[in-house]
N, C-alpha and C. Protein backbone atom coordinates (compact mmCIF):
# COMPACT_ATOMS: atom_id res chain seq x y z
N MET A 1 -20.81 -30.73 3.64
CA MET A 1 -20.91 -30.48 2.20
C MET A 1 -21.46 -29.44 2.30
N LEU A 2 -21.28 -28.43 1.23
CA LEU A 2 -21.96 -27.35 0.69
C LEU A 2 -23.33 -27.13 0.56
N ASP A 3 -23.99 -25.87 1.38
CA ASP A 3 -25.43 -25.54 1.18
C ASP A 3 -25.03 -25.07 -0.78
N PRO A 4 -25.92 -26.19 -1.80
CA PRO A 4 -26.29 -25.03 -3.08
C PRO A 4 -26.88 -23.86 -2.96
N ASN A 5 -28.22 -23.66 -1.59
CA ASN A 5 -28.67 -22.57 -1.99
C ASN A 5 -28.08 -21.27 -1.66
N LYS A 6 -26.70 -21.79 -0.69
CA LYS A 6 -25.88 -20.43 -0.74
C LYS A 6 -24.80 -20.35 -1.50
N THR A 7 -24.79 -18.21 -1.22
CA THR A 7 -23.74 -18.20 -1.79
C THR A 7 -22.35 -18.21 -1.20
N ILE A 8 -21.22 -18.56 -2.69
CA ILE A 8 -20.14 -18.23 -1.75
C ILE A 8 -19.19 -17.05 -2.35
N THR A 9 -18.77 -15.97 -1.25
CA THR A 9 -18.36 -15.27 -1.81
C THR A 9 -16.38 -15.23 -1.89
N PHE A 10 -15.96 -14.79 -2.89
CA PHE A 10 -14.64 -14.92 -2.43
C PHE A 10 -13.93 -13.55 -2.67
N SER A 11 -12.68 -13.43 -2.15
CA SER A 11 -12.40 -12.32 -2.06
C SER A 11 -10.64 -12.16 -2.04
N ILE A 12 -9.95 -11.22 -2.85
CA ILE A 12 -8.55 -11.42 -3.03
C ILE A 12 -7.31 -10.43 -2.28
N LYS A 13 -9.08 -9.51 -1.74
CA LYS A 13 -7.87 -8.40 -0.95
C LYS A 13 -7.06 -8.31 0.31
N ASN A 14 -7.25 -9.70 1.10
CA ASN A 14 -5.97 -9.52 1.85
C ASN A 14 -5.02 -10.08 1.27
N GLU A 15 -5.17 -10.94 0.27
CA GLU A 15 -3.33 -10.99 -0.31
C GLU A 15 -3.22 -10.16 -1.15
N THR A 16 -3.68 -8.70 -1.44
CA THR A 16 -3.51 -7.71 -2.20
C THR A 16 -3.22 -6.63 -0.99
N ASP A 17 -4.06 -6.92 0.05
CA ASP A 17 -3.66 -5.49 1.25
C ASP A 17 -1.84 -6.21 1.61
N ASP A 18 -2.27 -7.38 1.83
CA ASP A 18 -0.76 -8.13 2.56
C ASP A 18 0.50 -7.76 1.49
N GLN A 19 0.11 -7.31 0.04
CA GLN A 19 1.29 -7.16 -0.56
C GLN A 19 1.54 -5.55 -0.62
N MET A 20 0.40 -4.84 -0.63
CA MET A 20 0.72 -3.23 -0.26
C MET A 20 1.58 -3.22 0.97
N VAL A 21 1.38 -3.94 2.00
CA VAL A 21 1.54 -3.63 3.34
C VAL A 21 3.35 -4.01 3.28
N GLN A 22 3.66 -4.55 2.36
CA GLN A 22 5.31 -5.44 2.23
C GLN A 22 5.78 -4.45 1.65
N ILE A 23 5.17 -3.99 0.20
CA ILE A 23 5.83 -3.26 -0.51
C ILE A 23 6.09 -2.08 0.04
N LEU A 24 4.91 -1.45 0.62
CA LEU A 24 5.07 -0.03 1.18
C LEU A 24 6.62 -0.09 2.35
N THR A 25 6.41 -1.16 2.65
CA THR A 25 7.08 -1.36 4.19
C THR A 25 8.69 -1.63 3.46
N GLN A 26 9.18 -2.26 2.56
CA GLN A 26 10.32 -2.51 1.81
C GLN A 26 10.54 -1.03 1.52
N VAL A 27 9.25 -0.10 1.09
CA VAL A 27 10.08 1.45 0.18
C VAL A 27 10.24 2.30 1.41
N TYR A 28 9.51 2.19 2.33
CA TYR A 28 9.74 3.32 3.58
C TYR A 28 10.73 2.89 4.48
N ASN A 29 11.65 2.02 4.28
CA ASN A 29 12.37 1.00 4.95
C ASN A 29 13.82 1.97 3.65
N ALA A 30 13.85 1.42 2.57
CA ALA A 30 14.84 1.89 1.43
C ALA A 30 14.89 3.23 1.98
N LEU A 31 13.93 4.65 1.67
CA LEU A 31 13.71 5.57 1.96
C LEU A 31 14.62 6.49 3.47
N GLN A 32 14.28 5.21 4.13
CA GLN A 32 15.02 5.69 6.07
C GLN A 32 16.22 5.46 5.84
N GLU A 33 16.78 4.19 5.29
CA GLU A 33 17.74 3.86 5.08
C GLU A 33 19.14 5.19 4.03
N LYS A 34 18.34 5.74 3.44
CA LYS A 34 18.88 6.98 2.47
C LYS A 34 18.72 8.19 2.98
N GLY A 35 18.32 8.22 3.87
CA GLY A 35 18.26 9.56 4.85
C GLY A 35 16.88 10.78 4.62
N TYR A 36 16.28 9.76 4.08
CA TYR A 36 15.02 10.61 3.63
C TYR A 36 13.49 10.46 5.13
N ASN A 37 12.56 11.35 4.34
CA ASN A 37 11.56 11.52 5.22
C ASN A 37 10.59 10.39 4.45
N PRO A 38 10.28 9.25 5.00
CA PRO A 38 9.15 8.25 3.88
C PRO A 38 8.18 8.96 4.39
N ILE A 39 7.76 9.12 4.95
CA ILE A 39 6.12 9.55 4.75
C ILE A 39 6.31 10.22 3.96
N SER A 40 6.71 12.03 4.10
CA SER A 40 6.98 13.16 3.38
C SER A 40 7.11 12.13 1.59
N GLN A 41 7.90 11.33 1.40
CA GLN A 41 8.44 10.98 0.18
C GLN A 41 6.92 10.12 -0.38
N ILE A 42 7.08 9.17 0.45
CA ILE A 42 5.51 8.33 -0.25
C ILE A 42 4.20 9.09 -0.05
N VAL A 43 3.75 10.11 0.32
CA VAL A 43 3.40 11.48 0.13
C VAL A 43 3.17 11.88 -1.25
N GLY A 44 4.17 12.50 -1.35
CA GLY A 44 4.80 13.18 -2.49
C GLY A 44 4.21 12.40 -3.93
N TYR A 45 4.75 11.19 -3.76
CA TYR A 45 4.73 9.85 -4.73
C TYR A 45 3.05 9.64 -4.82
N ILE A 46 2.38 9.62 -3.84
CA ILE A 46 0.76 9.07 -4.26
C ILE A 46 0.09 10.28 -4.70
N LEU A 47 0.12 11.33 -4.39
CA LEU A 47 -0.11 12.91 -5.34
C LEU A 47 0.15 13.10 -6.21
N THR A 48 1.46 13.03 -6.56
CA THR A 48 1.73 13.53 -8.13
C THR A 48 2.01 11.89 -8.82
N GLU A 49 2.20 10.96 -8.75
CA GLU A 49 2.89 9.41 -9.13
C GLU A 49 3.85 9.32 -10.02
N ASP A 50 4.50 10.40 -9.68
CA ASP A 50 5.91 11.20 -9.54
C ASP A 50 7.41 10.53 -9.24
N PRO A 51 7.24 9.42 -9.93
CA PRO A 51 9.00 7.92 -8.98
C PRO A 51 9.91 8.35 -8.65
N THR A 52 10.63 10.18 -9.00
CA THR A 52 11.51 10.33 -8.79
C THR A 52 11.13 10.59 -6.60
N TYR A 53 10.19 10.69 -6.77
CA TYR A 53 10.04 10.99 -4.98
C TYR A 53 10.38 9.55 -4.15
N ILE A 54 10.57 8.16 -4.96
CA ILE A 54 11.31 7.34 -4.33
C ILE A 54 12.66 6.85 -4.88
N THR A 55 13.23 6.60 -3.86
CA THR A 55 14.83 5.74 -3.89
C THR A 55 14.74 4.72 -4.88
N THR A 56 16.18 4.74 -5.93
CA THR A 56 16.08 3.30 -6.27
C THR A 56 16.94 2.38 -5.51
N HIS A 57 17.56 2.96 -4.07
CA HIS A 57 17.64 2.06 -2.94
C HIS A 57 16.82 0.49 -3.49
N ASN A 58 17.23 -0.23 -2.83
CA ASN A 58 17.21 -1.42 -2.59
C ASN A 58 15.97 -1.69 -3.66
N ASN A 59 15.54 -0.71 -4.84
CA ASN A 59 14.63 -1.05 -5.51
C ASN A 59 12.97 -0.98 -5.15
N ALA A 60 13.42 0.35 -4.36
CA ALA A 60 11.80 1.14 -3.85
C ALA A 60 11.09 1.47 -4.88
N ARG A 61 11.90 1.99 -6.61
CA ARG A 61 10.86 3.04 -7.28
C ARG A 61 10.44 1.70 -7.99
N SER A 62 11.49 0.87 -8.14
CA SER A 62 10.72 -0.07 -9.17
C SER A 62 9.22 -0.36 -8.35
N LEU A 63 9.25 -1.66 -7.26
CA LEU A 63 8.17 -1.70 -6.23
C LEU A 63 7.18 -0.89 -6.33
N ILE A 64 6.95 0.02 -5.54
CA ILE A 64 6.16 1.09 -5.42
C ILE A 64 5.01 1.33 -6.69
N ARG A 65 6.26 1.22 -8.31
CA ARG A 65 5.31 1.52 -9.40
C ARG A 65 4.37 -0.11 -9.41
N ARG A 66 4.86 -0.93 -8.69
CA ARG A 66 3.58 -2.21 -8.86
C ARG A 66 2.52 -2.06 -7.97
N LEU A 67 1.89 -1.20 -7.67
CA LEU A 67 0.81 -0.73 -6.52
C LEU A 67 0.18 0.46 -7.23
N ASP A 68 -0.99 0.15 -7.63
CA ASP A 68 -2.60 0.90 -8.01
C ASP A 68 -2.39 1.63 -7.12
N ARG A 69 -2.18 3.57 -7.56
CA ARG A 69 -2.37 4.45 -6.77
C ARG A 69 -3.98 4.27 -6.23
N ASP A 70 -4.85 4.54 -6.86
CA ASP A 70 -6.27 4.40 -6.62
C ASP A 70 -6.47 3.39 -5.78
N GLU A 71 -6.13 1.89 -5.26
CA GLU A 71 -6.32 0.80 -4.57
C GLU A 71 -5.50 1.80 -3.59
N LEU A 72 -4.61 1.81 -3.52
CA LEU A 72 -3.48 2.28 -2.09
C LEU A 72 -4.45 3.14 -1.87
N LEU A 73 -4.94 4.08 -2.64
CA LEU A 73 -5.12 5.41 -1.43
C LEU A 73 -6.70 4.86 -1.10
N GLN A 74 -7.42 4.01 -1.33
CA GLN A 74 -8.85 3.55 -1.29
C GLN A 74 -8.56 2.73 0.59
N THR A 75 -7.26 1.43 0.09
CA THR A 75 -6.92 0.97 1.50
C THR A 75 -6.51 1.81 2.45
N LEU A 76 -5.58 2.66 1.91
CA LEU A 76 -5.53 3.52 3.69
C LEU A 76 -6.36 4.58 4.12
N VAL A 77 -7.07 4.79 3.30
CA VAL A 77 -8.36 5.79 3.86
C VAL A 77 -9.69 4.55 4.37
N GLU A 78 -9.79 3.22 3.94
CA GLU A 78 -10.35 2.44 4.80
C GLU A 78 -9.50 1.65 5.96
N ASP A 79 -8.63 1.63 6.02
CA ASP A 79 -7.51 1.21 7.22
C ASP A 79 -7.55 2.51 8.25
N TYR A 80 -7.58 3.39 7.57
CA TYR A 80 -7.59 4.96 8.75
C TYR A 80 -8.85 4.85 9.76
N LEU A 81 -10.14 4.85 8.61
CA LEU A 81 -10.89 5.02 9.22
C LEU A 81 -11.29 3.64 10.14
N LYS A 82 -11.15 2.73 9.68
CA LYS A 82 -11.61 1.44 10.97
C LYS A 82 -10.99 1.77 12.32
N GLY A 83 -9.33 2.37 12.19
CA GLY A 83 -8.69 2.55 13.35
C GLY A 83 -9.35 3.22 14.10
N ASN A 84 -9.86 4.33 13.66
CA ASN A 84 -10.35 5.39 13.98
C ASN A 84 -11.53 5.22 14.78
N LYS A 85 -12.47 3.85 14.14
CA LYS A 85 -13.51 4.05 14.05
C LYS A 85 -14.61 4.51 15.71
N ASN A 86 -13.52 3.54 16.68
CA ASN A 86 -13.67 3.11 18.45
C ASN A 86 -13.21 4.67 19.25
N GLN A 87 -12.98 5.60 18.25
CA GLN A 87 -12.32 6.72 19.06
C GLN A 87 -13.08 7.88 19.25
């Protein structure tokens, strides 16, 4: 039974992070299939929010526009720092 004196937290971050990873992976793969440097193209998109950095192949351009750029940047920085915390 739940303790009525404790606060229960609710988070959708994992689902959002999973969705970001899935979308970025699909976009990365589409760019790679078309012969682009996926990292450079994604960085160009993040910096400018210009969708023409992303190919329309496999619906990649539409997919990446589903992501909130600020949330994406925040998640990328957080994950990078977490990954380098122990070094």
